[in-house]
Amino acid sequence: MEHFGQEGMMVLHWPFERSRSAHGRRHRAPWIALLASLLALLAGPALAAGDTVLRVGDRLKVTIFETMEVPEAPEVDKPRSGDAAAIMQTVYPRVDLSGEYGIEPGGSVSLPLFGNIEAAGRTTAAFKADLGDAFDRLFHRRCNITVSVLQRAPVFVVGAVRNPGSFAYMPGLMVLQAVALAGGDIQSGMPVQAVEASRELDRRDAARDRLKQLLLRKAALVAERDGTPVAKSADGLRHLVGAEGSSALIAGEQRMAQLRAQNLAGTRATKERAITATQDEIELLKQRMANFDAQIKVRGERLKMMEALFARQVVENERVADVRRDYVDMEGRRRDIEISLLQAEQRLDTARKALVQADSERRLTLERDIATVEAEAEAAERAYQSLAATATLMARTSPAVGREGGVVAFEIVRRTLETTETLRASEFDVLEPGDVLRARLVPPETGRPATAAVEKEAALGPNKP
């Protein structure tokens, strides 16, 4: 029977009669076996076998069920046989003691109420037995305990491998498998590393060429803005490629700058000639206006004279009309010249403003281009320095012994409670949780073939290689 007791804990009640006879013990044995099976089922599947050797850094799941025998209240109308006493066997989980625990560097597990219990170097069965004894001493009651290994301490791979680091431990993990997790050893991965190094050098050279072009472009823009030779503004380019390498580049850019300057000067000269022509046209129109003014004055005086003669009836009206038409025609032609003069002056003013605006836009464009090129040059320089540092580092991490056919030797650094051991290993030796696998490239004449089993070289302390 089962029900939920205080704090939501599931409580199992197993009624049976306690009898001094052998018959009572025979009937009680199946109940106890069934109880043990049920406890194992409630505890959940274990992640490791009972003989698993625990290591520092392992994480355990401990589940404790306490068993209590409580006398059952007698039932009035239930017959009882002999002197047998009915009891109720109650099983409930101790959630205050159960949980996940890690094995500390000292090799023990710290549990509430029980204190530190040694675990490193011992099997899960031995640890569980010690924990049961501690429970019995503290509570004087029986219990059922399950210990599952949730997580093993990782293994570490260092030395002549492509991706050193820590990796999750798997049961039966061999040296060769750990090296594969680390990307393989440098000796077997040398062709791939050489290809990667070559690509990194290509990227570095491409970044250097881009930086070189940007610095040359910046020097040309500054020279055009200031009206100075390109060589005067090419200090950054000389620092990058040297004086000899930059001389040809500067000379070529200087020729291009001269061509651009000639083209710009020709465009400006055309605009200035248009301005000069407009000025000459204005002067000519002013002269024509002066001539027309003189002729209009003469014709005006003649018109007045003819009108006076007509008033005295000396001349006929037709002659006065001819003189008046001539006078009006001269005034009309003068107005045409005056309009032409105003239009020419407007063209002159527009041409002058356009010339000034072109100069301002040119200076503004130069400043904007210089700022853009400077920003791009700074970014290109950072990229070049980063790629150069990476290429240098890759060249340094390509040991010459690997290119000469060196031998990869493996060592296992294993920590115990007493000391730290350095063990010589082969590719097929099995690692343990927390091991540090070190791969080294040694010359062929000094490399010794590793045996199939781990050979202990030294156990003199943590500071020994």
Protein backbone atom coordinates (compact mmCIF):
# COMPACT_ATOMS: atom_id res chain seq x y z
CA MET A 1 0.00 0.00 0.00
CA GLU A 2 1.16 3.57 -0.58
CA HIS A 3 0.05 7.04 0.35
CA PHE A 4 1.56 10.55 0.50
CA GLY A 5 2.70 11.67 3.91
CA GLN A 6 3.94 14.98 5.19
CA GLU A 7 5.69 17.39 2.79
CA GLY A 8 4.35 15.47 -0.22
CA MET A 9 6.73 12.49 0.28
CA MET A 10 5.57 9.17 -1.01
CA VAL A 11 5.36 6.64 1.83
CA LEU A 12 5.13 2.91 1.24
CA HIS A 13 3.51 0.67 3.87
CA TRP A 14 4.15 -3.06 3.81
CA PRO A 15 2.06 -5.00 6.37
CA PHE A 16 3.25 -8.38 7.59
CA GLU A 17 3.26 -10.34 10.82
CA ARG A 18 6.40 -10.75 12.83
CA SER A 19 6.62 -14.35 14.00
CA ARG A 20 9.27 -16.23 15.87
CA SER A 21 8.59 -19.33 13.83
CA ALA A 22 10.45 -20.37 10.69
CA HIS A 23 7.16 -20.28 8.83
CA GLY A 24 6.85 -16.54 9.51
CA ARG A 25 10.39 -15.86 8.26
CA ARG A 26 9.72 -17.78 5.07
CA HIS A 27 6.65 -15.64 4.40
CA ARG A 28 8.54 -12.43 5.14
CA ALA A 29 11.47 -13.12 2.74
CA PRO A 30 9.48 -12.60 -0.49
CA TRP A 31 8.18 -9.28 0.83
CA ILE A 32 11.71 -8.05 1.54
CA ALA A 33 12.94 -9.08 -1.93
CA LEU A 34 10.00 -7.31 -3.53
CA LEU A 35 10.72 -4.23 -1.41
CA ALA A 36 14.36 -4.11 -2.52
CA SER A 37 13.32 -4.40 -6.19
CA LEU A 38 10.83 -1.57 -5.80
CA LEU A 39 13.41 0.67 -4.13
CA ALA A 40 15.84 0.11 -6.97
CA LEU A 41 13.09 0.98 -9.46
CA LEU A 42 12.18 4.20 -7.61
CA ALA A 43 15.82 5.26 -7.43
CA GLY A 44 16.03 5.39 -11.24
CA PRO A 45 18.52 3.75 -13.60
CA ALA A 46 22.15 4.04 -12.57
CA LEU A 47 24.57 5.59 -15.01
CA ALA A 48 27.52 3.46 -13.99
CA ALA A 49 28.12 -0.03 -12.65
CA GLY A 50 28.67 -0.70 -8.97
CA ASP A 51 32.36 -1.38 -9.42
CA THR A 52 33.10 2.00 -11.05
CA VAL A 53 36.19 3.58 -9.53
CA LEU A 54 35.45 7.15 -8.52
CA ARG A 55 37.79 10.04 -9.29
CA VAL A 56 38.20 13.62 -8.16
CA GLY A 57 35.82 15.82 -10.15
CA ASP A 58 33.13 13.17 -10.63
CA ARG A 59 29.56 14.24 -9.94
CA LEU A 60 27.32 11.74 -8.15
CA LYS A 61 23.59 11.42 -7.61
CA VAL A 62 22.84 9.95 -4.19
CA THR A 63 19.29 8.75 -3.39
CA ILE A 64 18.48 7.54 0.16
CA PHE A 65 15.30 5.71 1.18
CA GLU A 66 14.75 5.14 4.88
CA THR A 67 12.93 2.02 6.12
CA MET A 68 10.88 2.17 9.34
CA GLU A 69 8.84 -0.56 11.05
CA VAL A 70 5.74 0.81 12.76
CA PRO A 71 3.33 -1.42 14.75
CA GLU A 72 -0.02 -1.63 13.02
CA ALA A 73 -3.13 -0.85 15.05
CA PRO A 74 -4.96 -4.13 15.76
CA GLU A 75 -8.30 -4.72 14.12
CA VAL A 76 -11.03 -5.97 16.40
CA ASP A 77 -12.65 -8.40 14.02
CA LYS A 78 -9.38 -9.65 12.46
CA PRO A 79 -8.17 -12.97 13.88
CA ARG A 80 -4.55 -13.14 15.06
CA SER A 81 -2.49 -16.29 15.30
CA GLY A 82 -0.22 -17.14 18.20
CA ASP A 83 2.03 -14.45 19.49
CA ALA A 84 2.69 -12.81 16.11
CA ALA A 85 2.66 -8.98 16.24
CA ALA A 86 1.43 -7.14 13.13
CA ILE A 87 3.72 -4.32 12.02
CA MET A 88 3.72 -1.76 9.17
CA GLN A 89 7.00 -1.37 7.24
CA THR A 90 7.27 2.20 5.91
CA VAL A 91 9.72 3.34 3.23
CA TYR A 92 10.11 6.99 2.27
CA PRO A 93 12.79 9.03 0.46
CA ARG A 94 15.08 11.26 2.47
CA VAL A 95 15.00 14.33 0.24
CA ASP A 96 17.00 16.26 2.83
CA LEU A 97 19.94 13.91 2.33
CA SER A 98 19.49 12.93 -1.33
CA GLY A 99 20.87 15.06 -4.13
CA GLU A 100 23.80 15.65 -6.45
CA TYR A 101 27.29 15.85 -4.96
CA GLY A 102 30.76 16.34 -6.40
CA ILE A 103 33.97 14.69 -5.33
CA GLU A 104 36.12 17.50 -3.98
CA PRO A 105 39.85 17.90 -4.66
CA GLY A 106 40.60 16.24 -1.32
CA GLY A 107 38.90 13.07 -2.56
CA SER A 108 35.84 13.20 -0.29
CA VAL A 109 32.15 13.97 -0.71
CA SER A 110 30.57 16.39 1.74
CA LEU A 111 27.01 15.38 2.68
CA PRO A 112 24.68 17.08 5.15
CA LEU A 113 24.67 15.46 8.62
CA PHE A 114 27.23 12.83 7.57
CA GLY A 115 30.19 15.12 6.94
CA ASN A 116 32.99 14.11 4.58
CA ILE A 117 33.04 10.55 3.22
CA GLU A 118 36.05 9.34 1.24
CA ALA A 119 35.21 8.57 -2.41
CA ALA A 120 38.17 9.12 -4.75
CA GLY A 121 39.94 5.90 -5.67
CA ARG A 122 37.11 3.75 -4.30
CA THR A 123 34.29 1.94 -6.05
CA THR A 124 30.70 3.12 -5.92
CA ALA A 125 29.81 -0.02 -3.94
CA ALA A 126 32.39 0.80 -1.25
CA PHE A 127 31.24 4.42 -1.10
CA LYS A 128 27.63 3.29 -0.80
CA ALA A 129 28.55 0.89 2.02
CA ASP A 130 30.31 3.66 3.96
CA LEU A 131 27.33 5.94 3.47
CA GLY A 132 24.99 3.22 4.74
CA ASP A 133 27.14 2.70 7.83
CA ALA A 134 27.10 6.45 8.50
CA PHE A 135 23.31 6.48 8.20
CA ASP A 136 22.97 3.54 10.60
CA ARG A 137 25.27 5.17 13.16
CA LEU A 138 23.35 8.45 12.99
CA PHE A 139 19.73 7.28 12.84
CA HIS A 140 19.92 3.61 14.00
CA ARG A 141 17.55 2.64 11.21
CA ARG A 142 17.89 0.71 8.00
CA CYS A 143 18.03 2.42 4.59
CA ASN A 144 18.45 1.70 0.92
CA ILE A 145 20.97 3.80 -1.02
CA THR A 146 21.62 4.17 -4.75
CA VAL A 147 24.68 5.97 -6.13
CA SER A 148 24.75 6.97 -9.79
CA VAL A 149 27.60 8.68 -11.60
CA LEU A 150 26.11 11.64 -13.43
CA GLN A 151 29.29 13.12 -14.86
CA ARG A 152 32.93 12.06 -14.91
CA ALA A 153 35.84 14.46 -14.65
CA PRO A 154 36.99 15.57 -18.14
CA VAL A 155 40.23 14.57 -19.78
CA PHE A 156 42.68 17.21 -20.95
CA VAL A 157 44.77 17.03 -24.14
CA VAL A 158 47.78 19.34 -24.49
CA GLY A 159 50.96 19.55 -26.52
CA ALA A 160 51.41 18.73 -30.20
CA VAL A 161 47.73 18.62 -31.13
CA ARG A 162 45.73 21.01 -33.29
CA ASN A 163 43.05 21.97 -30.73
CA PRO A 164 44.24 21.52 -27.14
CA GLY A 165 41.58 21.64 -24.44
CA SER A 166 39.31 19.65 -22.13
CA PHE A 167 36.95 16.95 -23.40
CA ALA A 168 34.13 14.98 -21.81
CA TYR A 169 35.16 11.58 -20.54
CA MET A 170 33.59 8.46 -22.04
CA PRO A 171 34.05 4.95 -20.62
CA GLY A 172 36.86 3.17 -22.44
CA LEU A 173 38.27 6.39 -23.93
CA MET A 174 41.61 5.58 -25.57
CA VAL A 175 44.58 7.86 -26.18
CA LEU A 176 43.95 7.78 -29.94
CA GLN A 177 40.32 8.81 -29.45
CA ALA A 178 41.28 11.72 -27.20
CA VAL A 179 43.80 12.93 -29.81
CA ALA A 180 41.05 12.71 -32.45
CA LEU A 181 38.80 14.87 -30.26
CA ALA A 182 41.63 17.41 -30.12
CA GLY A 183 41.78 17.58 -33.93
CA GLY A 184 44.64 15.11 -34.42
CA ASP A 185 48.33 15.48 -33.75
CA ILE A 186 50.46 18.01 -35.56
CA GLN A 187 52.58 15.35 -37.26
CA SER A 188 49.68 13.70 -39.10
CA GLY A 189 47.98 17.05 -39.72
CA MET A 190 51.07 18.72 -41.17
CA PRO A 191 49.79 18.89 -44.81
CA VAL A 192 46.55 20.49 -43.68
CA GLN A 193 48.45 22.93 -41.50
CA ALA A 194 50.74 23.78 -44.39
CA VAL A 195 47.74 24.56 -46.61
CA GLU A 196 46.21 26.72 -43.88
CA ALA A 197 49.50 28.54 -43.36
CA SER A 198 49.77 29.17 -47.12
CA ARG A 199 46.23 30.56 -47.22
CA GLU A 200 46.98 32.77 -44.24
CA LEU A 201 50.07 34.12 -46.01
CA ASP A 202 47.98 34.84 -49.12
CA ARG A 203 45.43 36.74 -47.03
CA ARG A 204 48.24 38.68 -45.37
CA ASP A 205 49.79 39.62 -48.73
CA ALA A 206 46.39 40.68 -50.08
CA ALA A 207 45.84 42.89 -47.03
CA ARG A 208 49.33 44.36 -47.50
CA ASP A 209 48.64 45.17 -51.17
CA ARG A 210 45.37 46.86 -50.26
CA LEU A 211 47.08 48.91 -47.56
CA LYS A 212 49.80 49.88 -50.03
CA GLN A 213 47.26 51.14 -52.58
CA LEU A 214 45.35 53.07 -49.94
CA LEU A 215 48.50 54.79 -48.65
CA LEU A 216 49.49 55.70 -52.21
CA ARG A 217 46.02 57.07 -52.89
CA LYS A 218 46.14 59.11 -49.70
CA ALA A 219 49.52 60.61 -50.65
CA ALA A 220 48.18 61.58 -54.09
CA LEU A 221 45.07 63.25 -52.64
CA VAL A 222 47.07 65.21 -50.06
CA ALA A 223 49.51 66.32 -52.75
CA GLU A 224 46.66 67.48 -54.99
CA ARG A 225 45.05 69.38 -52.13
CA ASP A 226 48.26 71.09 -51.05
CA GLY A 227 49.74 71.47 -54.52
CA THR A 228 52.92 69.59 -53.54
CA PRO A 229 54.70 66.56 -55.05
CA VAL A 230 53.35 63.10 -54.17
CA ALA A 231 56.67 62.06 -52.63
CA LYS A 232 56.30 64.65 -49.89
CA SER A 233 53.17 62.91 -48.53
CA ALA A 234 54.26 59.27 -48.93
CA ASP A 235 55.99 58.63 -45.60
CA GLY A 236 53.54 55.86 -44.62
CA LEU A 237 54.09 54.08 -47.93
CA ARG A 238 57.87 54.23 -47.55
CA HIS A 239 57.58 52.81 -44.04
CA LEU A 240 55.51 49.88 -45.36
CA VAL A 241 57.46 48.88 -48.49
CA GLY A 242 60.76 50.73 -48.05
CA ALA A 243 62.30 53.60 -49.98
CA GLU A 244 63.34 51.46 -52.94
CA GLY A 245 59.98 49.72 -53.28
CA SER A 246 58.01 52.94 -52.96
CA SER A 247 60.01 55.01 -55.48
CA ALA A 248 58.47 53.34 -58.55
CA LEU A 249 54.96 53.57 -57.08
CA ILE A 250 55.42 57.25 -56.22
CA ALA A 251 56.81 58.02 -59.69
CA GLY A 252 53.83 56.38 -61.38
CA GLU A 253 51.35 58.16 -59.15
CA GLN A 254 53.18 61.47 -59.76
CA ARG A 255 52.67 61.06 -63.50
CA MET A 256 48.99 60.37 -62.95
CA ALA A 257 48.77 63.42 -60.69
CA GLN A 258 50.33 65.58 -63.40
CA LEU A 259 47.82 64.33 -65.96
CA ARG A 260 44.96 65.05 -63.57
CA ALA A 261 46.36 68.51 -62.91
CA GLN A 262 46.66 69.21 -66.65
CA ASN A 263 43.08 68.09 -67.22
CA LEU A 264 41.86 70.25 -64.35
CA ALA A 265 43.87 73.23 -65.60
CA GLY A 266 42.43 72.80 -69.10
CA THR A 267 38.89 72.74 -67.74
CA ARG A 268 39.53 75.83 -65.67
CA ALA A 269 41.16 77.64 -68.59
CA THR A 270 38.10 76.94 -70.74
CA LYS A 271 35.84 78.46 -68.12
CA GLU A 272 38.13 81.46 -67.72
CA ARG A 273 38.18 82.01 -71.51
CA ALA A 274 34.38 81.95 -71.48
CA ILE A 275 34.42 84.60 -68.78
CA THR A 276 36.88 86.73 -70.75
CA ALA A 277 34.76 86.43 -73.89
CA THR A 278 31.69 87.54 -71.97
CA GLN A 279 33.60 90.53 -70.60
CA ASP A 280 34.69 91.51 -74.13
CA GLU A 281 31.09 91.19 -75.29
CA ILE A 282 29.96 93.49 -72.50
CA GLU A 283 32.56 96.10 -73.43
CA LEU A 284 31.49 95.96 -77.07
CA LEU A 285 27.83 96.35 -76.14
CA LYS A 286 28.66 99.32 -73.95
CA GLN A 287 30.53 100.97 -76.82
CA ARG A 288 27.58 100.39 -79.16
CA MET A 289 25.25 101.88 -76.57
CA ALA A 290 27.45 104.97 -76.35
CA ASN A 291 27.32 105.37 -80.17
CA PHE A 292 23.56 104.94 -80.19
CA ASP A 293 23.22 107.47 -77.41
CA ALA A 294 25.15 110.01 -79.48
CA GLN A 295 23.07 109.34 -82.60
CA ILE A 296 19.83 109.51 -80.63
CA LYS A 297 20.88 112.86 -79.25
CA VAL A 298 21.57 114.20 -82.74
CA ARG A 299 18.28 112.83 -84.09
CA GLY A 300 16.43 114.30 -81.12
CA GLU A 301 17.79 117.77 -81.86
CA ARG A 302 16.93 117.40 -85.52
CA LEU A 303 13.39 116.30 -84.61
CA LYS A 304 12.96 119.40 -82.46
CA MET A 305 14.21 121.62 -85.29
CA MET A 306 11.87 120.00 -87.82
CA GLU A 307 8.93 120.38 -85.48
CA ALA A 308 9.75 124.13 -85.09
CA LEU A 309 9.92 124.58 -88.87
CA PHE A 310 6.65 122.69 -89.26
CA ALA A 311 5.05 125.04 -86.74
CA ARG A 312 6.09 127.95 -88.94
CA GLN A 313 4.83 126.00 -91.98
CA VAL A 314 8.26 125.92 -93.53
CA VAL A 315 8.36 122.12 -93.99
CA GLU A 316 5.69 119.59 -94.65
CA ASN A 317 4.32 117.11 -92.16
CA GLU A 318 5.71 114.10 -94.07
CA ARG A 319 9.31 115.19 -93.49
CA VAL A 320 8.65 115.66 -89.78
CA ALA A 321 7.13 112.17 -89.64
CA ASP A 322 10.22 110.65 -91.34
CA VAL A 323 12.54 112.29 -88.81
CA ARG A 324 10.32 111.13 -85.93
CA ARG A 325 10.32 107.51 -87.26
CA ASP A 326 14.11 107.56 -87.52
CA TYR A 327 14.37 108.83 -83.95
CA VAL A 328 12.03 106.13 -82.57
CA ASP A 329 13.89 103.41 -84.51
CA MET A 330 17.20 104.47 -82.94
CA GLU A 331 15.70 104.33 -79.46
CA GLY A 332 14.31 100.81 -80.14
CA ARG A 333 17.72 99.56 -81.31
CA ARG A 334 19.31 101.07 -78.20
CA ARG A 335 16.88 99.15 -75.99
CA ASP A 336 17.83 95.91 -77.76
CA ILE A 337 21.49 96.59 -77.08
CA GLU A 338 20.68 97.40 -73.48
CA ILE A 339 18.86 94.04 -73.09
CA SER A 340 21.80 92.22 -74.65
CA LEU A 341 24.13 94.02 -72.24
CA LEU A 342 22.06 92.93 -69.24
CA GLN A 343 22.04 89.33 -70.45
CA ALA A 344 25.80 89.34 -70.97
CA GLU A 345 26.37 90.70 -67.49
CA GLN A 346 24.17 87.95 -66.06
CA ARG A 347 26.16 85.31 -67.97
CA LEU A 348 29.38 86.79 -66.65
CA ASP A 349 28.14 86.69 -63.07
CA THR A 350 26.95 83.08 -63.47
CA ALA A 351 30.26 81.99 -65.00
CA ARG A 352 32.27 83.58 -62.20
CA LYS A 353 30.10 81.94 -59.53
CA ALA A 354 30.35 78.60 -61.30
CA LEU A 355 34.13 78.86 -61.33
CA VAL A 356 34.24 79.64 -57.61
CA GLN A 357 31.75 76.87 -56.83
CA ALA A 358 33.79 74.35 -58.87
CA ASP A 359 36.89 75.23 -56.86
CA SER A 360 34.97 74.86 -53.57
CA GLU A 361 33.46 71.53 -54.61
CA ARG A 362 36.86 70.28 -55.68
CA ARG A 363 38.38 71.16 -52.30
CA LEU A 364 35.40 69.60 -50.49
CA THR A 365 35.67 66.43 -52.57
CA LEU A 366 39.37 66.20 -51.84
CA GLU A 367 38.83 66.56 -48.09
CA ARG A 368 36.06 63.97 -48.12
CA ASP A 369 38.13 61.52 -50.18
CA ILE A 370 41.12 62.02 -47.88
CA ALA A 371 39.00 61.29 -44.79
CA THR A 372 37.52 58.18 -46.42
CA VAL A 373 40.91 56.89 -47.53
CA GLU A 374 42.41 57.53 -44.10
CA ALA A 375 39.63 55.49 -42.42
CA GLU A 376 40.03 52.66 -44.94
CA ALA A 377 43.81 52.75 -44.52
CA GLU A 378 43.51 52.46 -40.73
CA ALA A 379 41.15 49.48 -41.04
CA ALA A 380 43.42 47.87 -43.65
CA GLU A 381 46.45 48.38 -41.42
CA ARG A 382 44.72 46.69 -38.47
CA ALA A 383 43.69 43.79 -40.69
CA TYR A 384 47.21 43.48 -42.08
CA GLN A 385 48.82 43.48 -38.65
CA SER A 386 46.34 40.86 -37.39
CA LEU A 387 46.93 38.60 -40.40
CA ALA A 388 50.69 39.09 -40.15
CA ALA A 389 50.65 38.11 -36.46
CA THR A 390 48.51 35.04 -37.25
CA ALA A 391 50.81 33.98 -40.07
CA THR A 392 53.86 34.40 -37.83
CA LEU A 393 52.23 32.38 -35.08
CA MET A 394 51.30 29.59 -37.50
CA ALA A 395 54.88 29.52 -38.76
CA ARG A 396 56.17 29.24 -35.20
CA THR A 397 53.75 26.43 -34.34
CA SER A 398 54.99 24.35 -37.30
CA PRO A 399 57.97 22.62 -35.66
CA ALA A 400 60.87 21.70 -37.87
CA VAL A 401 61.01 18.22 -36.37
CA GLY A 402 57.52 17.53 -37.74
CA ARG A 403 58.65 18.42 -41.25
CA GLU A 404 61.64 16.09 -40.81
CA GLY A 405 59.52 13.12 -39.84
CA GLY A 406 59.45 13.29 -36.03
CA VAL A 407 57.74 10.75 -33.78
CA VAL A 408 54.68 11.59 -31.68
CA ALA A 409 55.08 10.38 -28.10
CA PHE A 410 52.27 10.34 -25.55
CA GLU A 411 52.38 10.83 -21.79
CA ILE A 412 49.57 10.66 -19.25
CA VAL A 413 49.71 12.90 -16.20
CA ARG A 414 47.49 11.25 -13.59
CA ARG A 415 46.73 12.68 -10.20
CA THR A 416 46.16 10.44 -7.22
CA LEU A 417 45.45 11.29 -3.59
CA GLU A 418 49.12 10.93 -2.69
CA THR A 419 51.01 12.25 -5.71
CA THR A 420 50.95 13.02 -9.43
CA GLU A 421 52.29 10.40 -11.82
CA THR A 422 53.64 10.76 -15.33
CA LEU A 423 52.95 7.62 -17.35
CA ARG A 424 54.20 6.74 -20.79
CA ALA A 425 51.36 5.56 -23.04
CA SER A 426 50.57 4.13 -26.45
CA GLU A 427 47.73 5.07 -28.75
CA PHE A 428 45.53 2.24 -27.47
CA ASP A 429 45.88 2.75 -23.72
CA VAL A 430 42.69 3.66 -21.86
CA LEU A 431 42.41 7.00 -20.10
CA GLU A 432 40.80 7.64 -16.75
CA PRO A 433 38.69 10.62 -15.67
CA GLY A 434 40.81 13.68 -14.90
CA ASP A 435 43.85 12.46 -16.88
CA VAL A 436 46.01 14.98 -18.74
CA LEU A 437 47.24 13.57 -22.06
CA ARG A 438 50.39 15.26 -23.36
CA ALA A 439 51.49 14.76 -26.98
CA ARG A 440 55.10 15.56 -27.86
CA LEU A 441 57.04 15.57 -31.11
CA VAL A 442 60.48 14.05 -30.63
CA PRO A 443 63.22 13.29 -33.18
CA PRO A 444 63.06 9.76 -34.63
CA GLU A 445 66.34 8.73 -33.03
CA THR A 446 65.14 9.68 -29.55
CA GLY A 447 61.55 8.52 -29.85
CA ARG A 448 60.94 5.15 -28.18
CA PRO A 449 58.09 2.94 -29.37
CA ALA A 450 55.32 2.80 -26.82
CA THR A 451 54.06 -0.55 -25.60
CA ALA A 452 50.46 -1.63 -25.62
CA ALA A 453 50.14 -1.08 -21.86
CA VAL A 454 50.81 2.07 -19.90
CA GLU A 455 54.38 2.14 -18.57
CA LYS A 456 54.99 4.10 -15.41
CA GLU A 457 57.95 6.43 -15.77
CA ALA A 458 57.87 8.56 -12.64
CA ALA A 459 55.81 9.18 -9.54
CA LEU A 460 57.92 11.81 -7.87
CA GLY A 461 55.41 14.62 -7.39
CA PRO A 462 53.35 17.18 -9.28
CA ASN A 463 56.34 19.24 -10.37
CA LYS A 464 57.99 16.48 -12.36
CA PRO A 465 57.60 16.57 -16.20
